[in-house]
PDB file of N, CA and C in Angstrom:
ATOM      1  N   MET A   1     243.915 -63.715 153.943  1.00  0.00           N
ATOM      2  CA  MET A   1     242.693 -63.479 154.691  1.00  0.00           C
ATOM      3  C   MET A   1     242.826 -62.218 155.527  1.00  0.00           C
ATOM      4  N   THR A   2     241.825 -61.353 155.431  1.00  0.00           N
ATOM      5  CA  THR A   2     241.890 -60.082 156.205  1.00  0.00           C
ATOM      6  C   THR A   2     241.354 -60.271 157.605  1.00  0.00           C
ATOM      7  N   GLY A   3     241.670 -59.341 158.466  1.00  0.00           N
ATOM      8  CA  GLY A   3     241.105 -59.314 159.785  1.00  0.00           C
ATOM      9  C   GLY A   3     239.605 -59.127 159.720  1.00  0.00           C
ATOM     10  N   LEU A   4     239.132 -58.312 158.775  1.00  0.00           N
ATOM     11  CA  LEU A   4     237.702 -58.080 158.635  1.00  0.00           C
ATOM     12  C   LEU A   4     236.932 -59.367 158.385  1.00  0.00           C
ATOM     13  N   ASN A   5     237.538 -60.284 157.637  1.00  0.00           N
ATOM     14  CA  ASN A   5     236.870 -61.531 157.317  1.00  0.00           C
ATOM     15  C   ASN A   5     236.569 -62.344 158.580  1.00  0.00           C
ATOM     16  N   ASN A   6     237.328 -62.139 159.641  1.00  0.00           N
ATOM     17  CA  ASN A   6     237.152 -62.897 160.871  1.00  0.00           C
ATOM     18  C   ASN A   6     236.152 -62.242 161.844  1.00  0.00           C
ATOM     19  N   GLU A   7     235.694 -61.050 161.505  1.00  0.00           N
ATOM     20  CA  GLU A   7     234.732 -60.359 162.359  1.00  0.00           C
ATOM     21  C   GLU A   7     233.303 -60.824 162.082  1.00  0.00           C
ATOM     22  N   LYS A   8     232.445 -60.628 163.077  1.00  0.00           N
ATOM     23  CA  LYS A   8     231.009 -60.912 162.900  1.00  0.00           C
ATOM     24  C   LYS A   8     230.272 -59.543 162.929  1.00  0.00           C
ATOM     25  N   CYS A   9     229.248 -59.481 162.101  1.00  0.00           N
ATOM     26  CA  CYS A   9     228.468 -58.248 162.064  1.00  0.00           C
ATOM     27  C   CYS A   9     227.786 -57.988 163.408  1.00  0.00           C
ATOM     28  N   LYS A  10     227.746 -56.671 163.739  1.00  0.00           N
ATOM     29  CA  LYS A  10     227.063 -56.257 164.947  1.00  0.00           C
ATOM     30  C   LYS A  10     225.696 -55.693 164.558  1.00  0.00           C
ATOM     31  N   ALA A  11     224.707 -55.918 165.381  1.00  0.00           N
ATOM     32  CA  ALA A  11     223.371 -55.412 165.067  1.00  0.00           C
ATOM     33  C   ALA A  11     223.393 -53.877 164.991  1.00  0.00           C
ATOM     34  N   CYS A  12     222.735 -53.336 163.992  1.00  0.00           N
ATOM     35  CA  CYS A  12     222.671 -51.892 163.803  1.00  0.00           C
ATOM     36  C   CYS A  12     221.254 -51.362 164.120  1.00  0.00           C
ATOM     37  N   ARG A  13     221.255 -50.139 164.659  1.00  0.00           N
ATOM     38  CA  ARG A  13     220.021 -49.440 164.866  1.00  0.00           C
ATOM     39  C   ARG A  13     220.071 -48.154 164.043  1.00  0.00           C
ATOM     40  N   ARG A  14     218.969 -47.471 163.956  1.00  0.00           N
ATOM     41  CA  ARG A  14     218.898 -46.254 163.152  1.00  0.00           C
ATOM     42  C   ARG A  14     219.929 -45.181 163.664  1.00  0.00           C
ATOM     43  N   ASP A  15     220.302 -45.248 164.948  1.00  0.00           N
ATOM     44  CA  ASP A  15     221.209 -44.265 165.483  1.00  0.00           C
ATOM     45  C   ASP A  15     222.674 -44.784 165.507  1.00  0.00           C
ATOM     46  N   SER A  16     222.932 -45.924 164.877  1.00  0.00           N
ATOM     47  CA  SER A  16     224.288 -46.444 164.821  1.00  0.00           C
ATOM     48  C   SER A  16     225.134 -45.502 163.940  1.00  0.00           C
ATOM     49  N   PRO A  17     226.375 -45.308 164.326  1.00  0.00           N
ATOM     50  CA  PRO A  17     227.220 -44.379 163.553  1.00  0.00           C
ATOM     51  C   PRO A  17     227.697 -45.015 162.236  1.00  0.00           C
ATOM     52  N   SER A  18     227.712 -44.187 161.227  1.00  0.00           N
ATOM     53  CA  SER A  18     228.310 -44.632 159.966  1.00  0.00           C
ATOM     54  C   SER A  18     229.819 -44.507 160.066  1.00  0.00           C
ATOM     55  N   VAL A  19     230.566 -45.151 159.197  1.00  0.00           N
ATOM     56  CA  VAL A  19     232.028 -45.059 159.259  1.00  0.00           C
ATOM     57  C   VAL A  19     232.414 -43.617 158.876  1.00  0.00           C
ATOM     58  N   THR A  20     233.487 -43.186 159.527  1.00  0.00           N
ATOM     59  CA  THR A  20     234.001 -41.834 159.249  1.00  0.00           C
ATOM     60  C   THR A  20     234.887 -41.900 157.999  1.00  0.00           C
ATOM     61  N   ASP A  21     235.250 -40.750 157.447  1.00  0.00           N
ATOM     62  CA  ASP A  21     236.159 -40.738 156.301  1.00  0.00           C
ATOM     63  C   ASP A  21     237.481 -41.392 156.669  1.00  0.00           C
ATOM     64  N   GLU A  22     237.955 -41.182 157.898  1.00  0.00           N
ATOM     65  CA  GLU A  22     239.206 -41.780 158.349  1.00  0.00           C
ATOM     66  C   GLU A  22     239.100 -43.307 158.409  1.00  0.00           C
ATOM     67  N   GLU A  23     237.960 -43.806 158.883  1.00  0.00           N
ATOM     68  CA  GLU A  23     237.729 -45.256 158.922  1.00  0.00           C
ATOM     69  C   GLU A  23     237.668 -45.855 157.543  1.00  0.00           C
ATOM     70  N   VAL A  24     237.059 -45.135 156.587  1.00  0.00           N
ATOM     71  CA  VAL A  24     237.024 -45.621 155.196  1.00  0.00           C
ATOM     72  C   VAL A  24     238.456 -45.779 154.662  1.00  0.00           C
ATOM     73  N   VAL A  25     239.283 -44.767 154.941  1.00  0.00           N
ATOM     74  CA  VAL A  25     240.676 -44.819 154.492  1.00  0.00           C
ATOM     75  C   VAL A  25     241.417 -46.007 155.099  1.00  0.00           C
ATOM     76  N   GLU A  26     241.089 -46.370 156.353  1.00  0.00           N
ATOM     77  CA  GLU A  26     241.716 -47.497 157.029  1.00  0.00           C
ATOM     78  C   GLU A  26     241.153 -48.827 156.520  1.00  0.00           C
ATOM     79  N   LEU A  27     239.867 -48.902 156.277  1.00  0.00           N
ATOM     80  CA  LEU A  27     239.229 -50.167 155.943  1.00  0.00           C
ATOM     81  C   LEU A  27     239.296 -50.536 154.458  1.00  0.00           C
ATOM     82  N   LYS A  28     239.255 -49.564 153.572  1.00  0.00           N
ATOM     83  CA  LYS A  28     239.189 -49.774 152.129  1.00  0.00           C
ATOM     84  C   LYS A  28     240.340 -50.654 151.619  1.00  0.00           C
ATOM     85  N   PRO A  29     241.580 -50.484 152.077  1.00  0.00           N
ATOM     86  CA  PRO A  29     242.668 -51.353 151.587  1.00  0.00           C
ATOM     87  C   PRO A  29     242.468 -52.847 151.900  1.00  0.00           C
ATOM     88  N   GLU A  30     241.604 -53.156 152.864  1.00  0.00           N
ATOM     89  CA  GLU A  30     241.339 -54.538 153.208  1.00  0.00           C
ATOM     90  C   GLU A  30     240.384 -55.201 152.190  1.00  0.00           C
ATOM     91  N   VAL A  31     239.697 -54.368 151.399  1.00  0.00           N
ATOM     92  CA  VAL A  31     238.769 -54.857 150.352  1.00  0.00           C
ATOM     93  C   VAL A  31     239.063 -54.105 149.065  1.00  0.00           C
ATOM     94  N   PRO A  32     240.290 -54.257 148.527  1.00  0.00           N
ATOM     95  CA  PRO A  32     240.725 -53.438 147.410  1.00  0.00           C
ATOM     96  C   PRO A  32     239.943 -53.577 146.106  1.00  0.00           C
ATOM     97  N   GLU A  33     239.261 -54.693 145.911  1.00  0.00           N
ATOM     98  CA  GLU A  33     238.501 -54.906 144.669  1.00  0.00           C
ATOM     99  C   GLU A  33     237.148 -54.203 144.671  1.00  0.00           C
ATOM    100  N   TRP A  34     236.765 -53.682 145.820  1.00  0.00           N
ATOM    101  CA  TRP A  34     235.457 -53.071 145.963  1.00  0.00           C
ATOM    102  C   TRP A  34     235.535 -51.591 145.632  1.00  0.00           C
ATOM    103  N   GLU A  35     234.497 -51.119 144.903  1.00  0.00           N
ATOM    104  CA  GLU A  35     234.436 -49.704 144.509  1.00  0.00           C
ATOM    105  C   GLU A  35     233.485 -48.962 145.469  1.00  0.00           C
ATOM    106  N   LEU A  36     233.918 -47.807 145.894  1.00  0.00           N
ATOM    107  CA  LEU A  36     233.050 -46.923 146.713  1.00  0.00           C
ATOM    108  C   LEU A  36     232.170 -46.153 145.744  1.00  0.00           C
ATOM    109  N   THR A  37     230.883 -46.283 145.878  1.00  0.00           N
ATOM    110  CA  THR A  37     229.927 -45.624 144.993  1.00  0.00           C
ATOM    111  C   THR A  37     228.940 -44.822 145.804  1.00  0.00           C
ATOM    112  N   HIS A  38     228.171 -44.023 145.123  1.00  0.00           N
ATOM    113  CA  HIS A  38     227.076 -43.276 145.756  1.00  0.00           C
ATOM    114  C   HIS A  38     225.837 -43.450 144.894  1.00  0.00           C
ATOM    115  N   GLU A  39     224.743 -43.748 145.527  1.00  0.00           N
ATOM    116  CA  GLU A  39     223.482 -43.920 144.834  1.00  0.00           C
ATOM    117  C   GLU A  39     222.411 -43.196 145.616  1.00  0.00           C
ATOM    118  N   ASN A  40     221.783 -42.197 145.012  1.00  0.00           N
ATOM    119  CA  ASN A  40     220.779 -41.384 145.725  1.00  0.00           C
ATOM    120  C   ASN A  40     221.359 -40.804 147.016  1.00  0.00           C
ATOM    121  N   GLY A  41     222.609 -40.411 146.957  1.00  0.00           N
ATOM    122  CA  GLY A  41     223.266 -39.788 148.109  1.00  0.00           C
ATOM    123  C   GLY A  41     223.720 -40.755 149.190  1.00  0.00           C
ATOM    124  N   ILE A  42     223.610 -42.051 148.935  1.00  0.00           N
ATOM    125  CA  ILE A  42     223.961 -43.074 149.905  1.00  0.00           C
ATOM    126  C   ILE A  42     225.262 -43.743 149.479  1.00  0.00           C
ATOM    127  N   PRO A  43     226.312 -43.704 150.312  1.00  0.00           N
ATOM    128  CA  PRO A  43     227.556 -44.383 149.973  1.00  0.00           C
ATOM    129  C   PRO A  43     227.370 -45.898 150.062  1.00  0.00           C
ATOM    130  N   LYS A  44     227.984 -46.595 149.113  1.00  0.00           N
ATOM    131  CA  LYS A  44     227.882 -48.044 149.043  1.00  0.00           C
ATOM    132  C   LYS A  44     229.181 -48.685 148.601  1.00  0.00           C
ATOM    133  N   LEU A  45     229.335 -49.975 148.888  1.00  0.00           N
ATOM    134  CA  LEU A  45     230.462 -50.759 148.369  1.00  0.00           C
ATOM    135  C   LEU A  45     229.913 -51.648 147.298  1.00  0.00           C
ATOM    136  N   ASP A  46     230.570 -51.667 146.122  1.00  0.00           N
ATOM    137  CA  ASP A  46     230.043 -52.416 144.977  1.00  0.00           C
ATOM    138  C   ASP A  46     231.172 -53.206 144.315  1.00  0.00           C
ATOM    139  N   ARG A  47     230.843 -54.449 143.911  1.00  0.00           N
ATOM    140  CA  ARG A  47     231.785 -55.272 143.190  1.00  0.00           C
ATOM    141  C   ARG A  47     231.058 -56.224 142.264  1.00  0.00           C
ATOM    142  N   VAL A  48     231.662 -56.516 141.130  1.00  0.00           N
ATOM    143  CA  VAL A  48     231.161 -57.518 140.202  1.00  0.00           C
ATOM    144  C   VAL A  48     232.096 -58.698 140.256  1.00  0.00           C
ATOM    145  N   PHE A  49     231.550 -59.864 140.534  1.00  0.00           N
ATOM    146  CA  PHE A  49     232.287 -61.147 140.548  1.00  0.00           C
ATOM    147  C   PHE A  49     231.990 -61.852 139.256  1.00  0.00           C
ATOM    148  N   LYS A  50     233.044 -62.430 138.618  1.00  0.00           N
ATOM    149  CA  LYS A  50     232.864 -63.131 137.350  1.00  0.00           C
ATOM    150  C   LYS A  50     232.983 -64.634 137.527  1.00  0.00           C
ATOM    151  N   PHE A  51     232.159 -65.358 136.769  1.00  0.00           N
ATOM    152  CA  PHE A  51     232.112 -66.816 136.832  1.00  0.00           C
ATOM    153  C   PHE A  51     232.147 -67.423 135.442  1.00  0.00           C
ATOM    154  N   LYS A  52     232.418 -68.716 135.417  1.00  0.00           N
ATOM    155  CA  LYS A  52     232.560 -69.426 134.125  1.00  0.00           C
ATOM    156  C   LYS A  52     231.214 -69.725 133.480  1.00  0.00           C
ATOM    157  N   ASP A  53     230.130 -69.699 134.288  1.00  0.00           N
ATOM    158  CA  ASP A  53     228.812 -70.035 133.741  1.00  0.00           C
ATOM    159  C   ASP A  53     227.704 -69.541 134.702  1.00  0.00           C
ATOM    160  N   PHE A  54     226.480 -69.729 134.293  1.00  0.00           N
ATOM    161  CA  PHE A  54     225.357 -69.295 135.113  1.00  0.00           C
ATOM    162  C   PHE A  54     225.207 -70.080 136.431  1.00  0.00           C
ATOM    163  N   GLN A  55     225.404 -71.385 136.354  1.00  0.00           N
ATOM    164  CA  GLN A  55     225.236 -72.187 137.552  1.00  0.00           C
ATOM    165  C   GLN A  55     226.256 -71.791 138.641  1.00  0.00           C
ATOM    166  N   SER A  56     227.484 -71.478 138.228  1.00  0.00           N
ATOM    167  CA  SER A  56     228.490 -71.050 139.211  1.00  0.00           C
ATOM    168  C   SER A  56     228.077 -69.716 139.844  1.00  0.00           C
ATOM    169  N   ALA A  57     227.536 -68.820 139.028  1.00  0.00           N
ATOM    170  CA  ALA A  57     227.052 -67.529 139.550  1.00  0.00           C
ATOM    171  C   ALA A  57     225.901 -67.750 140.511  1.00  0.00           C
ATOM    172  N   MET A  58     225.007 -68.688 140.219  1.00  0.00           N
ATOM    173  CA  MET A  58     223.874 -69.013 141.121  1.00  0.00           C
ATOM    174  C   MET A  58     224.361 -69.631 142.426  1.00  0.00           C
ATOM    175  N   ASP A  59     225.356 -70.521 142.311  1.00  0.00           N
ATOM    176  CA  ASP A  59     225.897 -71.153 143.526  1.00  0.00           C
ATOM    177  C   ASP A  59     226.519 -70.093 144.463  1.00  0.00           C
ATOM    178  N   PHE A  60     227.261 -69.151 143.881  1.00  0.00           N
ATOM    179  CA  PHE A  60     227.869 -68.072 144.654  1.00  0.00           C
ATOM    180  C   PHE A  60     226.758 -67.222 145.325  1.00  0.00           C
ATOM    181  N   THR A  61     225.736 -66.894 144.557  1.00  0.00           N
ATOM    182  CA  THR A  61     224.608 -66.116 145.059  1.00  0.00           C
ATOM    183  C   THR A  61     223.974 -66.824 146.248  1.00  0.00           C
ATOM    184  N   SER A  62     223.773 -68.114 146.143  1.00  0.00           N
ATOM    185  CA  SER A  62     223.172 -68.905 147.212  1.00  0.00           C
ATOM    186  C   SER A  62     224.077 -68.939 148.448  1.00  0.00           C
ATOM    187  N   GLN A  63     225.361 -69.122 148.245  1.00  0.00           N
ATOM    188  CA  GLN A  63     226.301 -69.161 149.390  1.00  0.00           C
ATOM    189  C   GLN A  63     226.326 -67.789 150.092  1.00  0.00           C
ATOM    190  N   LEU A  64     226.318 -66.718 149.283  1.00  0.00           N
ATOM    191  CA  LEU A  64     226.357 -65.381 149.851  1.00  0.00           C
ATOM    192  C   LEU A  64     225.042 -65.092 150.598  1.00  0.00           C
ATOM    193  N   GLY A  65     223.934 -65.621 150.073  1.00  0.00           N
ATOM    194  CA  GLY A  65     222.648 -65.438 150.732  1.00  0.00           C
ATOM    195  C   GLY A  65     222.656 -66.142 152.121  1.00  0.00           C
ATOM    196  N   GLU A  66     223.189 -67.352 152.146  1.00  0.00           N
ATOM    197  CA  GLU A  66     223.252 -68.072 153.432  1.00  0.00           C
ATOM    198  C   GLU A  66     224.130 -67.348 154.422  1.00  0.00           C
ATOM    199  N   LEU A  67     225.276 -66.861 153.974  1.00  0.00           N
ATOM    200  CA  LEU A  67     226.189 -66.086 154.836  1.00  0.00           C
ATOM    201  C   LEU A  67     225.476 -64.825 155.348  1.00  0.00           C
ATOM    202  N   SER A  68     224.781 -64.150 154.471  1.00  0.00           N
ATOM    203  CA  SER A  68     224.073 -62.904 154.852  1.00  0.00           C
ATOM    204  C   SER A  68     223.024 -63.173 155.917  1.00  0.00           C
ATOM    205  N   GLU A  69     222.272 -64.251 155.775  1.00  0.00           N
ATOM    206  CA  GLU A  69     221.306 -64.643 156.783  1.00  0.00           C
ATOM    207  C   GLU A  69     221.966 -64.924 158.113  1.00  0.00           C
ATOM    208  N   ASP A  70     223.075 -65.647 158.055  1.00  0.00           N
ATOM    209  CA  ASP A  70     223.838 -65.996 159.282  1.00  0.00           C
ATOM    210  C   ASP A  70     224.331 -64.735 160.003  1.00  0.00           C
ATOM    211  N   GLN A  71     224.785 -63.751 159.229  1.00  0.00           N
ATOM    212  CA  GLN A  71     225.343 -62.517 159.804  1.00  0.00           C
ATOM    213  C   GLN A  71     224.278 -61.477 160.071  1.00  0.00           C
ATOM    214  N   GLY A  72     223.044 -61.664 159.548  1.00  0.00           N
ATOM    215  CA  GLY A  72     222.021 -60.684 159.766  1.00  0.00           C
ATOM    216  C   GLY A  72     222.244 -59.384 159.032  1.00  0.00           C
ATOM    217  N   HIS A  73     222.928 -59.478 157.906  1.00  0.00           N
ATOM    218  CA  HIS A  73     223.245 -58.261 157.121  1.00  0.00           C
ATOM    219  C   HIS A  73     223.135 -58.694 155.647  1.00  0.00           C
ATOM    220  N   HIS A  74     222.363 -57.911 154.871  1.00  0.00           N
ATOM    221  CA  HIS A  74     221.988 -58.384 153.547  1.00  0.00           C
ATOM    222  C   HIS A  74     222.358 -57.388 152.443  1.00  0.00           C
ATOM    223  N   PRO A  75     222.894 -57.900 151.311  1.00  0.00           N
ATOM    224  CA  PRO A  75     223.300 -57.033 150.203  1.00  0.00           C
ATOM    225  C   PRO A  75     222.203 -56.975 149.124  1.00  0.00           C
ATOM    226  N   ARG A  76     222.457 -56.157 148.167  1.00  0.00           N
ATOM    227  CA  ARG A  76     221.748 -56.225 146.894  1.00  0.00           C
ATOM    228  C   ARG A  76     222.555 -57.216 146.033  1.00  0.00           C
ATOM    229  N   LEU A  77     221.883 -58.197 145.478  1.00  0.00           N
ATOM    230  CA  LEU A  77     222.515 -59.198 144.633  1.00  0.00           C
ATOM    231  C   LEU A  77     221.844 -59.198 143.271  1.00  0.00           C
ATOM    232  N   ILE A  78     222.662 -59.024 142.204  1.00  0.00           N
ATOM    233  CA  ILE A  78     222.136 -59.105 140.843  1.00  0.00           C
ATOM    234  C   ILE A  78     222.926 -60.229 140.153  1.00  0.00           C
ATOM    235  N   THR A  79     222.207 -61.309 139.862  1.00  0.00           N
ATOM    236  CA  THR A  79     222.844 -62.517 139.284  1.00  0.00           C
ATOM    237  C   THR A  79     222.489 -62.587 137.816  1.00  0.00           C
ATOM    238  N   GLU A  80     223.484 -62.729 136.972  1.00  0.00           N
ATOM    239  CA  GLU A  80     223.328 -62.877 135.530  1.00  0.00           C
ATOM    240  C   GLU A  80     224.263 -63.973 135.068  1.00  0.00           C
ATOM    241  N   TRP A  81     224.187 -64.320 133.794  1.00  0.00           N
ATOM    242  CA  TRP A  81     225.080 -65.339 133.277  1.00  0.00           C
ATOM    243  C   TRP A  81     226.528 -64.885 133.468  1.00  0.00           C
ATOM    244  N   GLY A  82     227.279 -65.664 134.254  1.00  0.00           N
ATOM    245  CA  GLY A  82     228.717 -65.429 134.416  1.00  0.00           C
ATOM    246  C   GLY A  82     229.102 -64.259 135.322  1.00  0.00           C
ATOM    247  N   ARG A  83     228.147 -63.666 135.992  1.00  0.00           N
ATOM    248  CA  ARG A  83     228.508 -62.541 136.862  1.00  0.00           C
ATOM    249  C   ARG A  83     227.468 -62.334 137.961  1.00  0.00           C
ATOM    250  N   VAL A  84     227.975 -61.817 139.091  1.00  0.00           N
ATOM    251  CA  VAL A  84     227.113 -61.430 140.201  1.00  0.00           C
ATOM    252  C   VAL A  84     227.581 -60.068 140.691  1.00  0.00           C
ATOM    253  N   GLN A  85     226.696 -59.130 140.703  1.00  0.00           N
ATOM    254  CA  GLN A  85     227.006 -57.795 141.245  1.00  0.00           C
ATOM    255  C   GLN A  85     226.511 -57.769 142.692  1.00  0.00           C
ATOM    256  N   VAL A  86     227.389 -57.412 143.590  1.00  0.00           N
ATOM    257  CA  VAL A  86     227.088 -57.359 145.022  1.00  0.00           C
ATOM    258  C   VAL A  86     227.275 -55.913 145.502  1.00  0.00           C
ATOM    259  N   THR A  87     226.273 -55.424 146.199  1.00  0.00           N
ATOM    260  CA  THR A  87     226.340 -54.060 146.742  1.00  0.00           C
ATOM    261  C   THR A  87     225.999 -54.107 148.225  1.00  0.00           C
ATOM    262  N   TRP A  88     226.894 -53.566 149.009  1.00  0.00           N
ATOM    263  CA  TRP A  88     226.729 -53.526 150.469  1.00  0.00           C
ATOM    264  C   TRP A  88     226.555 -52.080 150.939  1.00  0.00           C
ATOM    265  N   TRP A  89     225.556 -51.871 151.814  1.00  0.00           N
ATOM    266  CA  TRP A  89     225.394 -50.643 152.589  1.00  0.00           C
ATOM    267  C   TRP A  89     224.457 -50.991 153.718  1.00  0.00           C
ATOM    268  N   THR A  90     224.367 -50.140 154.694  1.00  0.00           N
ATOM    269  CA  THR A  90     223.512 -50.406 155.842  1.00  0.00           C
ATOM    270  C   THR A  90     222.211 -49.597 155.659  1.00  0.00           C
ATOM    271  N   HIS A  91     221.170 -50.340 155.383  1.00  0.00           N
ATOM    272  CA  HIS A  91     219.866 -49.728 155.070  1.00  0.00           C
ATOM    273  C   HIS A  91     219.358 -48.848 156.184  1.00  0.00           C
ATOM    274  N   LYS A  92     219.476 -49.290 157.438  1.00  0.00           N
ATOM    275  CA  LYS A  92     218.921 -48.537 158.562  1.00  0.00           C
ATOM    276  C   LYS A  92     219.501 -47.161 158.714  1.00  0.00           C
ATOM    277  N   ILE A  93     220.824 -47.031 158.427  1.00  0.00           N
ATOM    278  CA  ILE A  93     221.459 -45.744 158.638  1.00  0.00           C
ATOM    279  C   ILE A  93     221.691 -44.989 157.269  1.00  0.00           C
ATOM    280  N   ARG A  94     221.282 -45.640 156.172  1.00  0.00           N
ATOM    281  CA  ARG A  94     221.426 -45.076 154.830  1.00  0.00           C
ATOM    282  C   ARG A  94     222.854 -44.574 154.584  1.00  0.00           C
ATOM    283  N   SER A  95     223.809 -45.455 154.979  1.00  0.00           N
ATOM    284  CA  SER A  95     225.214 -45.116 154.833  1.00  0.00           C
ATOM    285  C   SER A  95     226.047 -46.380 154.975  1.00  0.00           C
ATOM    286  N   LEU A  96     227.369 -46.238 155.024  1.00  0.00           N
ATOM    287  CA  LEU A  96     228.236 -47.372 155.260  1.00  0.00           C
ATOM    288  C   LEU A  96     228.540 -47.520 156.748  1.00  0.00           C
ATOM    289  N   HIS A  97     228.578 -48.713 157.187  1.00  0.00           N
ATOM    290  CA  HIS A  97     228.909 -49.119 158.561  1.00  0.00           C
ATOM    291  C   HIS A  97     230.086 -50.109 158.450  1.00  0.00           C
ATOM    292  N   ARG A  98     230.758 -50.325 159.527  1.00  0.00           N
ATOM    293  CA  ARG A  98     231.855 -51.292 159.526  1.00  0.00           C
ATOM    294  C   ARG A  98     231.361 -52.669 159.015  1.00  0.00           C
ATOM    295  N   ASN A  99     230.107 -53.020 159.333  1.00  0.00           N
ATOM    296  CA  ASN A  99     229.510 -54.290 158.879  1.00  0.00           C
ATOM    297  C   ASN A  99     229.665 -54.446 157.361  1.00  0.00           C
ATOM    298  N   ASP A 100     229.533 -53.373 156.633  1.00  0.00           N
ATOM    299  CA  ASP A 100     229.582 -53.460 155.173  1.00  0.00           C
ATOM    300  C   ASP A 100     230.982 -53.862 154.702  1.00  0.00           C
ATOM    301  N   PHE A 101     231.980 -53.370 155.354  1.00  0.00           N
ATOM    302  CA  PHE A 101     233.364 -53.755 155.033  1.00  0.00           C
ATOM    303  C   PHE A 101     233.631 -55.210 155.483  1.00  0.00           C
ATOM    304  N   VAL A 102     233.071 -55.581 156.606  1.00  0.00           N
ATOM    305  CA  VAL A 102     233.212 -56.970 157.091  1.00  0.00           C
ATOM    306  C   VAL A 102     232.572 -57.911 156.042  1.00  0.00           C
ATOM    307  N   MET A 103     231.389 -57.577 155.604  1.00  0.00           N
ATOM    308  CA  MET A 103     230.713 -58.459 154.646  1.00  0.00           C
ATOM    309  C   MET A 103     231.356 -58.442 153.267  1.00  0.00           C
ATOM    310  N   ALA A 104     231.924 -57.318 152.891  1.00  0.00           N
ATOM    311  CA  ALA A 104     232.681 -57.294 151.609  1.00  0.00           C
ATOM    312  C   ALA A 104     233.865 -58.286 151.695  1.00  0.00           C
ATOM    313  N   ALA A 105     234.595 -58.263 152.812  1.00  0.00           N
ATOM    314  CA  ALA A 105     235.699 -59.195 152.985  1.00  0.00           C
ATOM    315  C   ALA A 105     235.220 -60.619 153.000  1.00  0.00           C
ATOM    316  N   LYS A 106     234.113 -60.893 153.656  1.00  0.00           N
ATOM    317  CA  LYS A 106     233.541 -62.258 153.672  1.00  0.00           C
ATOM    318  C   LYS A 106     233.087 -62.687 152.293  1.00  0.00           C
ATOM    319  N   SER A 107     232.549 -61.731 151.517  1.00  0.00           N
ATOM    320  CA  SER A 107     232.141 -62.013 150.139  1.00  0.00           C
ATOM    321  C   SER A 107     233.346 -62.414 149.300  1.00  0.00           C
ATOM    322  N   ASP A 108     234.466 -61.710 149.490  1.00  0.00           N
ATOM    323  CA  ASP A 108     235.694 -62.017 148.762  1.00  0.00           C
ATOM    324  C   ASP A 108     236.143 -63.438 149.091  1.00  0.00           C
ATOM    325  N   GLN A 109     236.021 -63.830 150.363  1.00  0.00           N
ATOM    326  CA  GLN A 109     236.451 -65.143 150.766  1.00  0.00           C
ATOM    327  C   GLN A 109     235.561 -66.238 150.153  1.00  0.00           C
ATOM    328  N   VAL A 110     234.249 -65.978 150.085  1.00  0.00           N
ATOM    329  CA  VAL A 110     233.331 -66.941 149.459  1.00  0.00           C
ATOM    330  C   VAL A 110     233.706 -67.090 147.993  1.00  0.00           C
ATOM    331  N   PHE A 111     234.052 -65.984 147.329  1.00  0.00           N
ATOM    332  CA  PHE A 111     234.445 -66.011 145.930  1.00  0.00           C
ATOM    333  C   PHE A 111     235.711 -66.815 145.727  1.00  0.00           C
ATOM    334  N   LEU A 112     236.717 -66.606 146.610  1.00  0.00           N
ATOM    335  CA  LEU A 112     237.969 -67.346 146.489  1.00  0.00           C
ATOM    336  C   LEU A 112     237.754 -68.812 146.631  1.00  0.00           C
ATOM    337  N   ASN A 113     236.763 -69.213 147.460  1.00  0.00           N
ATOM    338  CA  ASN A 113     236.488 -70.617 147.706  1.00  0.00           C
ATOM    339  C   ASN A 113     235.568 -71.245 146.683  1.00  0.00           C
ATOM    340  N   SER A 114     234.988 -70.418 145.778  1.00  0.00           N
ATOM    341  CA  SER A 114     234.014 -70.949 144.807  1.00  0.00           C
ATOM    342  C   SER A 114     234.718 -71.620 143.640  1.00  0.00           C
ATOM    343  N   GLU A 115     234.194 -72.739 143.205  1.00  0.00           N
ATOM    344  CA  GLU A 115     234.799 -73.504 142.124  1.00  0.00           C
ATOM    345  C   GLU A 115     234.635 -72.870 140.761  1.00  0.00           C
ATOM    346  N   GLY A 116     233.561 -72.110 140.565  1.00  0.00           N
ATOM    347  CA  GLY A 116     233.302 -71.573 139.226  1.00  0.00           C
ATOM    348  C   GLY A 116     233.814 -70.166 138.998  1.00  0.00           C
ATOM    349  N   ALA A 117     234.602 -69.664 139.946  1.00  0.00           N
ATOM    350  CA  ALA A 117     235.100 -68.294 139.830  1.00  0.00           C
ATOM    351  C   ALA A 117     235.994 -68.184 138.592  1.00  0.00           C
ATOM    352  N   SER A 118     235.782 -67.078 137.887  1.00  0.00           N
ATOM    353  CA  SER A 118     236.577 -66.762 136.730  1.00  0.00           C
ATOM    354  C   SER A 118     237.664 -65.771 137.151  1.00  0.00           C
ATOM    355  N   LYS A 119     238.895 -66.137 136.987  1.00  0.00           N
ATOM    356  CA  LYS A 119     240.015 -65.287 137.451  1.00  0.00           C
ATOM    357  C   LYS A 119     240.274 -64.155 136.459  1.00  0.00           C
ATOM    358  N   GLY A 120     239.551 -64.082 135.371  1.00  0.00           N
ATOM    359  CA  GLY A 120     239.801 -63.059 134.377  1.00  0.00           C
ATOM    360  C   GLY A 120     238.907 -61.876 134.451  1.00  0.00           C
TER     361      GLY A 120
END
């Protein structure tokens, strides 16, 4: 379990600072399965989680949705048979915030606790 997993998201405003390059270098090893991507010039964290069937993917999506509501920070979720793609970024600042790394770590923990997770 990472230290990030134990943090709670902090409310963001439009003037909240995005993570610096140095902070990304520090935080990224705590969520090694996540890929740093860019979409329309916006940096994002992206990961595909694999499951044994559709119901397990739906259960994970639901658990992640509940966690997101609790933390007040919401991802893009694409649920398909046997897989869920999760993308984190902070919409208000159109960039990455520490919250995105916190939620990536929390997403990993939800996955580890899910019964239908495919380890392959």
